[in-house]
N, C-alpha and C. Protein backbone atom coordinates (compact mmCIF):
# COMPACT_ATOMS: atom_id res chain seq x y z
N MET A 1 0.85 -1.18 0.00
CA MET A 1 0.00 0.00 0.00
C MET A 1 0.90 1.24 0.00
N PRO A 2 1.07 1.87 -1.13
CA PRO A 2 1.97 3.03 -1.21
C PRO A 2 1.29 4.34 -0.82
N VAL A 3 1.04 4.53 0.46
CA VAL A 3 0.43 5.78 0.93
C VAL A 3 1.52 6.84 1.03
N THR A 4 1.23 8.02 0.45
CA THR A 4 2.17 9.13 0.47
C THR A 4 1.59 10.26 1.31
N TRP A 5 2.36 10.74 2.28
CA TRP A 5 1.92 11.81 3.16
C TRP A 5 2.53 13.14 2.74
N THR A 6 1.72 14.19 2.76
CA THR A 6 2.19 15.55 2.52
C THR A 6 1.49 16.48 3.50
N ARG A 7 2.04 17.65 3.67
CA ARG A 7 1.38 18.63 4.54
C ARG A 7 0.09 19.08 3.88
N THR A 8 -0.95 19.24 4.68
CA THR A 8 -2.25 19.65 4.15
C THR A 8 -2.18 21.05 3.56
N TYR A 9 -1.52 21.93 4.28
CA TYR A 9 -1.38 23.32 3.85
C TYR A 9 0.11 23.64 3.81
N PRO A 10 0.78 23.35 2.69
CA PRO A 10 2.25 23.47 2.63
C PRO A 10 2.79 24.86 2.98
N ASP A 11 2.07 25.91 2.66
CA ASP A 11 2.57 27.26 2.91
C ASP A 11 2.05 27.85 4.22
N SER A 12 1.43 27.03 5.04
CA SER A 12 0.85 27.48 6.30
C SER A 12 1.79 27.18 7.46
N PRO A 13 1.66 27.94 8.54
CA PRO A 13 2.46 27.61 9.73
C PRO A 13 1.99 26.33 10.44
N ARG A 14 0.85 25.77 10.03
CA ARG A 14 0.36 24.52 10.64
C ARG A 14 1.27 23.37 10.23
N LYS A 15 2.17 22.99 11.12
CA LYS A 15 3.16 21.96 10.81
C LYS A 15 2.71 20.55 11.17
N HIS A 16 1.61 20.43 11.86
CA HIS A 16 1.15 19.12 12.34
C HIS A 16 -0.20 18.77 11.72
N ASP A 17 -0.27 18.85 10.40
CA ASP A 17 -1.50 18.62 9.66
C ASP A 17 -1.12 18.00 8.32
N PHE A 18 -1.57 16.75 8.09
CA PHE A 18 -1.12 16.01 6.92
C PHE A 18 -2.28 15.33 6.20
N VAL A 19 -2.13 15.14 4.90
CA VAL A 19 -3.05 14.34 4.10
C VAL A 19 -2.27 13.19 3.48
N ALA A 20 -2.99 12.12 3.22
CA ALA A 20 -2.39 10.94 2.60
C ALA A 20 -3.10 10.65 1.29
N HIS A 21 -2.31 10.23 0.31
CA HIS A 21 -2.84 9.81 -0.99
C HIS A 21 -2.25 8.45 -1.35
N ASP A 22 -2.99 7.72 -2.13
CA ASP A 22 -2.53 6.44 -2.67
C ASP A 22 -2.75 6.50 -4.18
N ASN A 23 -1.66 6.64 -4.92
CA ASN A 23 -1.74 6.76 -6.38
C ASN A 23 -2.72 7.85 -6.80
N GLY A 24 -2.64 9.00 -6.14
CA GLY A 24 -3.47 10.14 -6.48
C GLY A 24 -4.85 10.14 -5.84
N GLU A 25 -5.23 9.06 -5.20
CA GLU A 25 -6.54 8.95 -4.56
C GLU A 25 -6.44 9.41 -3.10
N LEU A 26 -7.34 10.31 -2.69
CA LEU A 26 -7.34 10.78 -1.31
C LEU A 26 -7.58 9.61 -0.37
N VAL A 27 -6.77 9.51 0.66
CA VAL A 27 -6.90 8.45 1.66
C VAL A 27 -7.38 9.04 2.98
N SER A 28 -6.67 10.04 3.49
CA SER A 28 -6.91 10.46 4.87
C SER A 28 -6.34 11.84 5.17
N ARG A 29 -6.74 12.31 6.33
CA ARG A 29 -6.13 13.50 6.92
C ARG A 29 -5.89 13.19 8.39
N ILE A 30 -4.74 13.61 8.89
CA ILE A 30 -4.44 13.54 10.32
C ILE A 30 -3.93 14.90 10.75
N TYR A 31 -4.24 15.28 11.97
CA TYR A 31 -3.68 16.52 12.51
C TYR A 31 -3.65 16.48 14.03
N ARG A 32 -2.74 17.26 14.59
CA ARG A 32 -2.57 17.31 16.04
C ARG A 32 -3.44 18.41 16.61
N MET A 33 -4.16 18.05 17.66
CA MET A 33 -4.99 19.03 18.37
C MET A 33 -4.07 19.95 19.17
N GLY A 34 -4.47 21.21 19.28
CA GLY A 34 -3.61 22.17 19.95
C GLY A 34 -4.19 22.81 21.18
N ASP A 35 -5.43 22.49 21.53
CA ASP A 35 -6.06 23.12 22.68
C ASP A 35 -6.94 22.13 23.43
N GLY A 36 -7.30 22.52 24.63
CA GLY A 36 -8.26 21.76 25.42
C GLY A 36 -7.75 20.42 25.91
N PRO A 37 -8.67 19.56 26.33
CA PRO A 37 -8.27 18.28 26.91
C PRO A 37 -7.61 17.33 25.91
N GLN A 38 -7.78 17.58 24.61
CA GLN A 38 -7.16 16.73 23.59
C GLN A 38 -5.81 17.28 23.13
N ASP A 39 -5.33 18.32 23.77
CA ASP A 39 -4.07 18.96 23.38
C ASP A 39 -2.97 17.92 23.18
N GLY A 40 -2.37 17.93 21.99
CA GLY A 40 -1.28 17.03 21.68
C GLY A 40 -1.71 15.70 21.07
N ARG A 41 -2.99 15.36 21.16
CA ARG A 41 -3.47 14.11 20.56
C ARG A 41 -3.70 14.32 19.07
N TRP A 42 -3.66 13.23 18.34
CA TRP A 42 -3.81 13.28 16.88
C TRP A 42 -5.17 12.75 16.47
N LEU A 43 -5.86 13.51 15.64
CA LEU A 43 -7.14 13.08 15.08
C LEU A 43 -6.87 12.53 13.68
N TRP A 44 -7.59 11.50 13.31
CA TRP A 44 -7.44 10.92 11.98
C TRP A 44 -8.80 10.65 11.37
N PHE A 45 -8.86 10.80 10.06
CA PHE A 45 -10.09 10.63 9.30
C PHE A 45 -9.77 9.92 8.00
N ALA A 46 -10.36 8.77 7.77
CA ALA A 46 -10.17 8.05 6.51
C ALA A 46 -11.22 8.58 5.53
N ASN A 47 -11.12 9.85 5.20
CA ASN A 47 -12.15 10.50 4.39
C ASN A 47 -12.09 10.11 2.93
N GLY A 48 -11.14 9.31 2.53
CA GLY A 48 -11.12 8.81 1.16
C GLY A 48 -11.96 7.55 0.99
N ILE A 49 -12.44 7.00 2.09
CA ILE A 49 -13.25 5.78 2.04
C ILE A 49 -14.71 6.18 1.90
N GLN A 50 -15.30 5.79 0.78
CA GLN A 50 -16.67 6.17 0.49
C GLN A 50 -17.63 5.05 0.86
N ALA A 51 -17.71 4.76 2.15
CA ALA A 51 -18.59 3.71 2.65
C ALA A 51 -18.82 3.94 4.13
N ALA A 52 -19.86 3.32 4.65
CA ALA A 52 -20.13 3.39 6.08
C ALA A 52 -19.18 2.46 6.82
N PRO A 53 -18.82 2.81 8.07
CA PRO A 53 -17.90 1.94 8.83
C PRO A 53 -18.37 0.49 8.90
N GLY A 54 -19.68 0.28 9.01
CA GLY A 54 -20.19 -1.09 9.08
C GLY A 54 -19.95 -1.88 7.81
N ASN A 55 -19.87 -1.19 6.67
CA ASN A 55 -19.60 -1.87 5.40
C ASN A 55 -18.12 -2.18 5.22
N VAL A 56 -17.28 -1.45 5.93
CA VAL A 56 -15.84 -1.66 5.82
C VAL A 56 -15.35 -2.63 6.90
N GLY A 57 -15.98 -2.58 8.06
CA GLY A 57 -15.61 -3.48 9.14
C GLY A 57 -14.57 -2.93 10.09
N CYS A 58 -14.37 -1.61 10.05
CA CYS A 58 -13.43 -0.99 10.98
C CYS A 58 -13.79 0.49 11.13
N ALA A 59 -13.17 1.12 12.11
CA ALA A 59 -13.38 2.55 12.32
C ALA A 59 -12.80 3.34 11.14
N LEU A 60 -13.44 4.46 10.83
CA LEU A 60 -12.97 5.31 9.74
C LEU A 60 -12.48 6.66 10.25
N ASN A 61 -12.48 6.81 11.56
CA ASN A 61 -11.91 8.01 12.19
C ASN A 61 -11.64 7.70 13.64
N GLY A 62 -10.85 8.57 14.26
CA GLY A 62 -10.57 8.38 15.67
C GLY A 62 -9.47 9.31 16.12
N GLU A 63 -8.95 9.04 17.29
CA GLU A 63 -7.84 9.83 17.80
C GLU A 63 -6.79 8.90 18.37
N ALA A 64 -5.57 9.41 18.41
CA ALA A 64 -4.44 8.60 18.87
C ALA A 64 -3.46 9.50 19.62
N PRO A 65 -2.68 8.93 20.52
CA PRO A 65 -1.73 9.74 21.28
C PRO A 65 -0.53 10.24 20.47
N THR A 66 -0.22 9.55 19.37
CA THR A 66 0.95 9.95 18.58
C THR A 66 0.61 10.01 17.10
N LYS A 67 1.45 10.74 16.37
CA LYS A 67 1.29 10.82 14.92
C LYS A 67 1.42 9.44 14.28
N GLN A 68 2.37 8.66 14.72
CA GLN A 68 2.58 7.33 14.15
C GLN A 68 1.37 6.43 14.36
N GLU A 69 0.78 6.49 15.55
CA GLU A 69 -0.39 5.66 15.81
C GLU A 69 -1.58 6.10 14.95
N ALA A 70 -1.72 7.39 14.73
CA ALA A 70 -2.78 7.89 13.84
C ALA A 70 -2.54 7.41 12.42
N ALA A 71 -1.29 7.51 11.96
CA ALA A 71 -0.95 7.06 10.60
C ALA A 71 -1.17 5.55 10.47
N ASP A 72 -0.83 4.78 11.49
CA ASP A 72 -1.04 3.34 11.46
C ASP A 72 -2.53 2.99 11.39
N ALA A 73 -3.36 3.74 12.11
CA ALA A 73 -4.81 3.52 12.06
C ALA A 73 -5.35 3.79 10.66
N VAL A 74 -4.85 4.84 10.05
CA VAL A 74 -5.24 5.17 8.67
C VAL A 74 -4.84 4.04 7.73
N LYS A 75 -3.61 3.58 7.85
CA LYS A 75 -3.12 2.52 6.96
C LYS A 75 -3.95 1.25 7.13
N ALA A 76 -4.33 0.93 8.36
CA ALA A 76 -5.14 -0.26 8.61
C ALA A 76 -6.52 -0.11 7.98
N ALA A 77 -7.13 1.06 8.15
CA ALA A 77 -8.46 1.29 7.56
C ALA A 77 -8.38 1.24 6.03
N TRP A 78 -7.35 1.83 5.47
CA TRP A 78 -7.20 1.85 4.01
C TRP A 78 -6.95 0.43 3.47
N ALA A 79 -6.16 -0.36 4.18
CA ALA A 79 -5.92 -1.74 3.76
C ALA A 79 -7.22 -2.54 3.79
N ARG A 80 -7.99 -2.35 4.84
CA ARG A 80 -9.28 -3.05 4.94
C ARG A 80 -10.21 -2.62 3.82
N TRP A 81 -10.28 -1.32 3.55
CA TRP A 81 -11.12 -0.80 2.48
C TRP A 81 -10.67 -1.36 1.13
N SER A 82 -9.39 -1.48 0.92
CA SER A 82 -8.87 -2.03 -0.33
C SER A 82 -9.33 -3.48 -0.51
N GLU A 83 -9.34 -4.25 0.59
CA GLU A 83 -9.83 -5.63 0.54
C GLU A 83 -11.31 -5.68 0.20
N VAL A 84 -12.10 -4.80 0.83
CA VAL A 84 -13.55 -4.75 0.58
C VAL A 84 -13.82 -4.40 -0.88
N ARG A 85 -13.13 -3.40 -1.39
CA ARG A 85 -13.34 -3.00 -2.79
C ARG A 85 -12.97 -4.13 -3.74
N ALA A 86 -11.86 -4.80 -3.47
CA ALA A 86 -11.44 -5.90 -4.34
C ALA A 86 -12.45 -7.04 -4.31
N SER A 87 -12.98 -7.33 -3.14
CA SER A 87 -13.98 -8.39 -3.00
C SER A 87 -15.26 -8.00 -3.73
N ASP A 88 -15.68 -6.75 -3.57
CA ASP A 88 -16.91 -6.29 -4.24
C ASP A 88 -16.76 -6.33 -5.75
N ALA A 89 -15.57 -6.06 -6.25
CA ALA A 89 -15.33 -6.05 -7.69
C ALA A 89 -15.46 -7.45 -8.29
N LYS A 90 -15.28 -8.49 -7.46
CA LYS A 90 -15.36 -9.87 -7.94
C LYS A 90 -16.77 -10.42 -7.92
N LYS A 91 -17.70 -9.69 -7.31
CA LYS A 91 -19.08 -10.18 -7.20
C LYS A 91 -19.78 -10.10 -8.56
N PRO A 92 -20.66 -11.06 -8.84
CA PRO A 92 -21.41 -11.02 -10.11
C PRO A 92 -22.18 -9.70 -10.25
N GLY A 93 -22.13 -9.15 -11.42
CA GLY A 93 -22.86 -7.91 -11.69
C GLY A 93 -22.11 -6.66 -11.29
N ALA A 94 -20.89 -6.82 -10.76
CA ALA A 94 -20.08 -5.63 -10.39
C ALA A 94 -19.64 -4.92 -11.65
N PRO A 95 -19.58 -3.59 -11.58
CA PRO A 95 -19.15 -2.84 -12.77
C PRO A 95 -17.70 -3.08 -13.12
């Protein structure tokens, strides 16, 4: 799974905000919270997955204590989604 991470806003002072793509396809966004009780925690959103969590079989968003854990959650969700899409493509009548 060749996920590529880049800064969400490259020319912005926001240094803890990233998006992921897989071969040009949007995968996710992660960013670090800066205020309140979640200060320092990382939020992640698998917003490139166009399905309900129940159809994918895993969470499609959440929070994590570190950037790496947020990125790992994204990679796991994307891998699961890739399996679901591949399986759906093999079903009779699939486009």
